[in-house]
């Protein structure tokens, strides 16, 4: 079962995992003043506006959910 989907608001995606903002930033979405994204837009809208491949972004977000808390603390 997928946790993230294209019709999800960015704000909702950000609230699902504490590192979701890092994934968005990794795609240059919302990481700087020239690429601010609205948290009230859907993931699909943001991807379309910035030319980001939606499946790749969703896969990256979903991978956050595969990391156990122990593994996450080791990454830091």
N, C-alpha and C. Protein backbone atom coordinates (compact mmCIF):
# COMPACT_ATOMS: atom_id res chain seq x y z
N UNK A 1 0.84 -1.18 0.00
CA UNK A 1 0.00 0.00 0.00
C UNK A 1 0.89 1.25 0.00
N UNK A 2 0.60 2.13 -0.91
CA UNK A 2 1.39 3.37 -1.01
C UNK A 2 0.93 4.37 0.05
N UNK A 3 1.90 5.04 0.63
CA UNK A 3 1.61 6.08 1.61
C UNK A 3 1.43 7.44 0.94
N UNK A 4 2.13 7.63 -0.19
CA UNK A 4 2.11 8.90 -0.92
C UNK A 4 1.45 8.68 -2.28
N UNK A 5 0.70 9.67 -2.76
CA UNK A 5 0.06 9.57 -4.07
C UNK A 5 -0.01 10.95 -4.71
N UNK A 6 -0.21 10.97 -6.01
CA UNK A 6 -0.14 12.21 -6.78
C UNK A 6 -1.18 13.24 -6.38
N UNK A 7 -2.32 12.81 -5.86
CA UNK A 7 -3.38 13.75 -5.49
C UNK A 7 -3.26 14.27 -4.06
N UNK A 8 -2.21 13.86 -3.36
CA UNK A 8 -1.98 14.27 -1.98
C UNK A 8 -1.44 15.70 -1.94
N UNK A 9 -1.92 16.48 -0.99
CA UNK A 9 -1.38 17.82 -0.81
C UNK A 9 0.06 17.72 -0.31
N UNK A 10 0.88 18.65 -0.72
CA UNK A 10 2.27 18.68 -0.27
C UNK A 10 2.31 18.75 1.26
N UNK A 11 1.44 19.52 1.86
CA UNK A 11 1.40 19.64 3.33
C UNK A 11 1.15 18.28 3.98
N UNK A 12 0.28 17.49 3.40
CA UNK A 12 -0.01 16.17 3.94
C UNK A 12 1.21 15.27 3.81
N UNK A 13 1.86 15.32 2.66
CA UNK A 13 3.06 14.52 2.43
C UNK A 13 4.15 14.89 3.44
N UNK A 14 4.30 16.19 3.68
CA UNK A 14 5.31 16.65 4.63
C UNK A 14 5.02 16.16 6.05
N UNK A 15 3.74 16.00 6.36
CA UNK A 15 3.37 15.58 7.72
C UNK A 15 3.50 14.07 7.92
N UNK A 16 3.63 13.31 6.84
CA UNK A 16 3.71 11.85 6.96
C UNK A 16 5.07 11.36 7.43
N UNK A 17 6.10 12.11 7.14
CA UNK A 17 7.44 11.68 7.55
C UNK A 17 8.30 12.92 7.80
N UNK A 18 9.08 12.94 8.85
CA UNK A 18 9.88 14.13 9.18
C UNK A 18 10.95 14.46 8.14
N UNK A 19 11.31 13.51 7.27
CA UNK A 19 12.34 13.77 6.27
C UNK A 19 11.76 13.99 4.87
N UNK A 20 10.43 14.07 4.75
CA UNK A 20 9.82 14.29 3.44
C UNK A 20 10.29 15.60 2.82
N UNK A 21 10.49 16.62 3.63
CA UNK A 21 10.97 17.90 3.11
C UNK A 21 12.34 17.75 2.45
N UNK A 22 13.16 16.83 2.95
CA UNK A 22 14.47 16.59 2.35
C UNK A 22 14.33 15.99 0.96
N UNK A 23 13.34 15.13 0.77
CA UNK A 23 13.10 14.54 -0.55
C UNK A 23 12.67 15.63 -1.52
N UNK A 24 11.72 16.47 -1.10
CA UNK A 24 11.29 17.56 -1.97
C UNK A 24 12.48 18.47 -2.32
N UNK A 25 13.28 18.79 -1.33
CA UNK A 25 14.45 19.64 -1.56
C UNK A 25 15.43 18.98 -2.52
N UNK A 26 15.56 17.67 -2.42
CA UNK A 26 16.46 16.93 -3.30
C UNK A 26 16.06 17.04 -4.77
N UNK A 27 14.79 17.30 -5.00
CA UNK A 27 14.28 17.51 -6.36
C UNK A 27 14.18 19.00 -6.68
N UNK A 28 14.79 19.81 -5.83
CA UNK A 28 14.78 21.28 -5.97
C UNK A 28 13.37 21.83 -5.91
N UNK A 29 12.59 21.28 -5.00
CA UNK A 29 11.22 21.74 -4.78
C UNK A 29 11.11 22.30 -3.37
N UNK A 30 11.01 23.60 -3.28
CA UNK A 30 10.84 24.23 -1.98
C UNK A 30 12.10 24.39 -1.17
N UNK A 31 13.23 24.12 -1.77
CA UNK A 31 14.48 24.20 -1.02
C UNK A 31 15.12 25.58 -1.03
N UNK A 32 14.66 26.46 -1.90
CA UNK A 32 15.25 27.80 -1.96
C UNK A 32 14.17 28.80 -2.38
N UNK A 33 14.49 30.06 -2.31
CA UNK A 33 13.49 31.09 -2.61
C UNK A 33 13.03 31.08 -4.06
N UNK A 34 13.87 30.58 -4.97
CA UNK A 34 13.46 30.58 -6.39
C UNK A 34 12.60 29.37 -6.74
N UNK A 35 12.48 28.42 -5.82
CA UNK A 35 11.66 27.23 -6.12
C UNK A 35 10.70 26.92 -4.98
N UNK A 36 10.09 27.95 -4.44
CA UNK A 36 9.10 27.77 -3.39
C UNK A 36 7.89 27.01 -3.93
N UNK A 37 7.40 26.08 -3.15
CA UNK A 37 6.20 25.35 -3.54
C UNK A 37 5.12 25.62 -2.52
N UNK A 38 3.89 25.57 -2.99
CA UNK A 38 2.76 25.79 -2.10
C UNK A 38 2.39 24.47 -1.43
N UNK A 39 2.26 24.49 -0.15
CA UNK A 39 1.86 23.30 0.58
C UNK A 39 0.40 22.94 0.32
N UNK A 40 -0.31 23.84 -0.34
CA UNK A 40 -1.72 23.61 -0.66
C UNK A 40 -1.90 23.04 -2.07
N UNK A 41 -0.80 22.83 -2.78
CA UNK A 41 -0.87 22.19 -4.09
C UNK A 41 -0.69 20.69 -3.91
N UNK A 42 -1.14 19.93 -4.91
CA UNK A 42 -0.93 18.49 -4.86
C UNK A 42 0.49 18.17 -5.35
N UNK A 43 0.92 16.98 -5.05
CA UNK A 43 2.23 16.54 -5.52
C UNK A 43 2.25 16.59 -7.05
N UNK A 44 1.18 16.18 -7.68
CA UNK A 44 1.10 16.20 -9.14
C UNK A 44 1.23 17.62 -9.69
N UNK A 45 0.56 18.58 -9.09
CA UNK A 45 0.63 19.97 -9.54
C UNK A 45 2.06 20.51 -9.43
N UNK A 46 2.72 20.21 -8.33
CA UNK A 46 4.09 20.68 -8.13
C UNK A 46 5.02 20.05 -9.15
N UNK A 47 4.88 18.76 -9.37
CA UNK A 47 5.72 18.07 -10.35
C UNK A 47 5.51 18.64 -11.74
N UNK A 48 4.28 18.88 -12.12
CA UNK A 48 3.98 19.43 -13.44
C UNK A 48 4.60 20.83 -13.59
N UNK A 49 4.44 21.64 -12.57
CA UNK A 49 4.92 23.02 -12.64
C UNK A 49 6.45 23.11 -12.75
N UNK A 50 7.15 22.16 -12.14
CA UNK A 50 8.61 22.22 -12.11
C UNK A 50 9.29 21.17 -12.98
N UNK A 51 8.49 20.41 -13.73
CA UNK A 51 9.06 19.43 -14.65
C UNK A 51 9.74 18.26 -13.97
N UNK A 52 9.21 17.86 -12.82
CA UNK A 52 9.76 16.73 -12.08
C UNK A 52 8.96 15.48 -12.42
N UNK A 53 9.65 14.38 -12.64
CA UNK A 53 8.98 13.12 -12.94
C UNK A 53 8.26 12.63 -11.68
N UNK A 54 6.96 12.59 -11.75
CA UNK A 54 6.14 12.29 -10.58
C UNK A 54 6.42 10.91 -10.00
N UNK A 55 6.59 9.92 -10.86
CA UNK A 55 6.83 8.57 -10.35
C UNK A 55 8.14 8.48 -9.57
N UNK A 56 9.14 9.19 -10.02
CA UNK A 56 10.43 9.20 -9.33
C UNK A 56 10.32 9.87 -7.96
N UNK A 57 9.61 10.99 -7.91
CA UNK A 57 9.40 11.68 -6.63
C UNK A 57 8.61 10.80 -5.66
N UNK A 58 7.53 10.19 -6.16
CA UNK A 58 6.72 9.33 -5.29
C UNK A 58 7.52 8.13 -4.79
N UNK A 59 8.35 7.56 -5.65
CA UNK A 59 9.19 6.44 -5.25
C UNK A 59 10.17 6.86 -4.15
N UNK A 60 10.73 8.04 -4.30
CA UNK A 60 11.67 8.54 -3.29
C UNK A 60 10.97 8.81 -1.96
N UNK A 61 9.79 9.39 -2.02
CA UNK A 61 9.02 9.63 -0.80
C UNK A 61 8.65 8.30 -0.14
N UNK A 62 8.21 7.36 -0.94
CA UNK A 62 7.79 6.06 -0.42
C UNK A 62 8.95 5.33 0.25
N UNK A 63 10.15 5.52 -0.27
CA UNK A 63 11.31 4.84 0.31
C UNK A 63 11.57 5.30 1.75
N UNK A 64 11.10 6.48 2.10
CA UNK A 64 11.24 6.94 3.48
C UNK A 64 10.53 6.00 4.45
N UNK A 65 9.43 5.43 3.99
CA UNK A 65 8.61 4.59 4.85
C UNK A 65 9.22 3.19 5.03
N UNK A 66 10.21 2.87 4.20
CA UNK A 66 10.86 1.56 4.28
C UNK A 66 11.98 1.52 5.31
N UNK A 67 12.40 2.67 5.80
CA UNK A 67 13.50 2.76 6.75
C UNK A 67 12.96 2.60 8.17
N UNK A 68 13.54 1.66 8.89
CA UNK A 68 13.11 1.47 10.28
C UNK A 68 13.73 2.57 11.14
N UNK A 69 13.16 2.86 12.30
CA UNK A 69 13.72 3.90 13.17
C UNK A 69 15.19 3.66 13.52
N UNK A 70 15.60 2.41 13.69
CA UNK A 70 16.99 2.09 14.00
C UNK A 70 17.90 2.48 12.83
N UNK A 71 17.48 2.11 11.60
CA UNK A 71 18.26 2.46 10.43
C UNK A 71 18.36 3.96 10.26
N UNK A 72 17.27 4.67 10.52
CA UNK A 72 17.26 6.12 10.35
C UNK A 72 18.24 6.79 11.30
N UNK A 73 18.31 6.32 12.55
CA UNK A 73 19.22 6.94 13.50
C UNK A 73 20.67 6.65 13.12
N UNK A 74 20.93 5.54 12.44
CA UNK A 74 22.28 5.23 11.99
C UNK A 74 22.71 6.09 10.81
N UNK A 75 21.74 6.60 10.03
CA UNK A 75 22.02 7.42 8.86
C UNK A 75 22.51 8.79 9.27
N UNK A 76 22.04 9.30 10.37
CA UNK A 76 22.36 10.66 10.81
C UNK A 76 23.78 10.85 11.09
